[in-house]
């Protein structure tokens, strides 16, 4: 599974995982960022995932949904990404990068205006 693919959630999956609110929904996997820890330091890593609703601030990665070995897909249907889906993912990624760059520029401006 990769960004842009869609998951149609099945009845068996929703029942086994306690997620009845996903039954019959089809949701696109989008780039999500998760904190990882290697024992020495933490860092952010990108992984395909979903936001259940637009109001969610905590995404779920494919590993949260289907287990680290992805064996818990059960009766979910995976729909491969189309060219249009990939274009949407690229627009989302560009929007994220622009927002992040703006934050960095604002930080530089803030710190450059501090008196020593």
Protein backbone atom coordinates (compact mmCIF):
# COMPACT_ATOMS: atom_id res chain seq x y z
CA UNK A 1 0.00 0.00 0.00
CA UNK A 2 1.17 3.48 -0.80
CA UNK A 3 -0.03 7.07 -0.63
CA UNK A 4 -2.96 7.57 -2.99
CA UNK A 5 -4.29 4.01 -2.63
CA UNK A 6 -7.74 3.79 -1.11
CA UNK A 7 -9.03 1.37 1.52
CA UNK A 8 -12.66 0.25 1.52
CA UNK A 9 -13.30 -1.01 5.04
CA UNK A 10 -15.15 -4.29 5.39
CA UNK A 11 -17.50 -5.66 8.03
CA UNK A 12 -15.06 -8.28 9.37
CA UNK A 13 -12.29 -5.68 9.83
CA UNK A 14 -14.59 -3.20 11.56
CA UNK A 15 -15.96 -5.85 13.91
CA UNK A 16 -12.56 -7.35 14.82
CA UNK A 17 -10.89 -3.97 15.41
CA UNK A 18 -13.79 -2.19 17.12
CA UNK A 19 -14.14 0.45 14.41
CA UNK A 20 -17.81 0.30 13.34
CA UNK A 21 -17.66 3.92 12.17
CA UNK A 22 -15.44 2.83 9.24
CA UNK A 23 -17.85 0.20 7.88
CA UNK A 24 -18.34 0.67 4.14
CA UNK A 25 -16.22 3.84 4.00
CA UNK A 26 -13.54 4.26 1.36
CA UNK A 27 -10.67 6.49 2.51
CA UNK A 28 -7.53 7.51 0.61
CA UNK A 29 -4.15 6.88 2.21
CA UNK A 30 -2.30 10.17 2.47
CA UNK A 31 1.18 11.13 3.70
CA UNK A 32 1.14 11.29 7.49
CA UNK A 33 4.02 12.02 9.82
CA UNK A 34 4.76 9.98 12.93
CA UNK A 35 7.34 10.27 15.66
CA UNK A 36 9.77 7.34 15.83
CA UNK A 37 12.32 6.47 18.48
CA UNK A 38 15.44 4.42 17.79
CA UNK A 39 16.61 4.37 21.41
CA UNK A 40 19.00 7.29 20.98
CA UNK A 41 16.75 10.02 19.61
CA UNK A 42 13.33 10.62 18.10
CA UNK A 43 12.61 11.74 14.57
CA UNK A 44 9.67 12.19 12.23
CA UNK A 45 8.96 9.65 9.56
CA UNK A 46 6.41 9.68 6.74
CA UNK A 47 4.02 6.77 6.32
CA UNK A 48 0.76 6.25 4.42
CA UNK A 49 -2.13 6.78 6.78
CA UNK A 50 -5.59 8.23 7.22
CA UNK A 51 -7.39 10.86 9.20
CA UNK A 52 -10.72 9.32 10.18
CA UNK A 53 -12.39 12.76 10.11
CA UNK A 54 -11.16 16.20 9.13
CA UNK A 55 -11.33 17.22 12.80
CA UNK A 56 -8.84 14.52 13.83
CA UNK A 57 -5.43 15.75 14.85
CA UNK A 58 -3.97 12.25 15.28
CA UNK A 59 -3.70 10.24 12.06
CA UNK A 60 -3.60 6.46 11.94
CA UNK A 61 -0.84 4.84 9.88
CA UNK A 62 -1.38 1.66 7.90
CA UNK A 63 0.55 -0.07 10.69
CA UNK A 64 -1.86 1.27 13.36
CA UNK A 65 -4.77 0.04 11.27
CA UNK A 66 -3.51 -3.30 9.97
CA UNK A 67 -0.62 -4.29 12.27
CA UNK A 68 3.12 -4.08 11.68
CA UNK A 69 3.08 -7.02 9.28
CA UNK A 70 -0.17 -5.83 7.61
CA UNK A 71 -1.85 -9.20 8.34
CA UNK A 72 -4.95 -7.59 9.85
CA UNK A 73 -6.47 -6.33 6.60
CA UNK A 74 -9.19 -9.02 6.81
CA UNK A 75 -11.95 -8.14 4.33
CA UNK A 76 -10.82 -4.61 3.46
CA UNK A 77 -10.48 -3.87 -0.23
CA UNK A 78 -7.38 -2.02 -1.48
CA UNK A 79 -8.03 0.19 -4.51
CA UNK A 80 -4.86 1.21 -6.34
CA UNK A 81 -4.11 4.91 -6.82
CA UNK A 82 -4.94 6.57 -10.13
CA UNK A 83 -2.90 9.33 -11.76
CA UNK A 84 -5.42 11.83 -10.39
CA UNK A 85 -4.96 10.42 -6.87
CA UNK A 86 -1.17 10.79 -7.14
CA UNK A 87 -1.60 14.38 -8.37
CA UNK A 88 -3.77 15.12 -5.29
CA UNK A 89 -1.12 13.60 -3.01
CA UNK A 90 1.53 15.79 -4.66
CA UNK A 91 -0.66 18.89 -4.11
CA UNK A 92 -1.08 17.97 -0.44
CA UNK A 93 2.65 17.37 -0.03
CA UNK A 94 3.45 20.74 -1.69
CA UNK A 95 0.95 22.49 0.59
CA UNK A 96 2.56 20.88 3.65
CA UNK A 97 6.08 21.79 2.50
CA UNK A 98 5.05 25.41 1.80
CA UNK A 99 3.51 25.71 5.28
CA UNK A 100 6.61 24.20 6.89
CA UNK A 101 8.92 26.53 4.93
CA UNK A 102 6.79 29.51 6.00
CA UNK A 103 7.19 28.46 9.65
CA UNK A 104 10.97 28.29 9.20
CA UNK A 105 11.05 31.71 7.52
CA UNK A 106 9.00 33.18 10.37
CA UNK A 107 11.39 31.66 12.93
CA UNK A 108 14.40 33.12 11.11
CA UNK A 109 12.74 36.53 11.00
CA UNK A 110 11.81 36.36 14.69
CA UNK A 111 15.30 35.42 15.84
CA UNK A 112 17.02 37.87 13.52
CA UNK A 113 15.03 40.70 15.11
CA UNK A 114 16.04 39.87 18.68
CA UNK A 115 18.47 42.23 20.35
CA UNK A 116 21.65 40.54 21.58
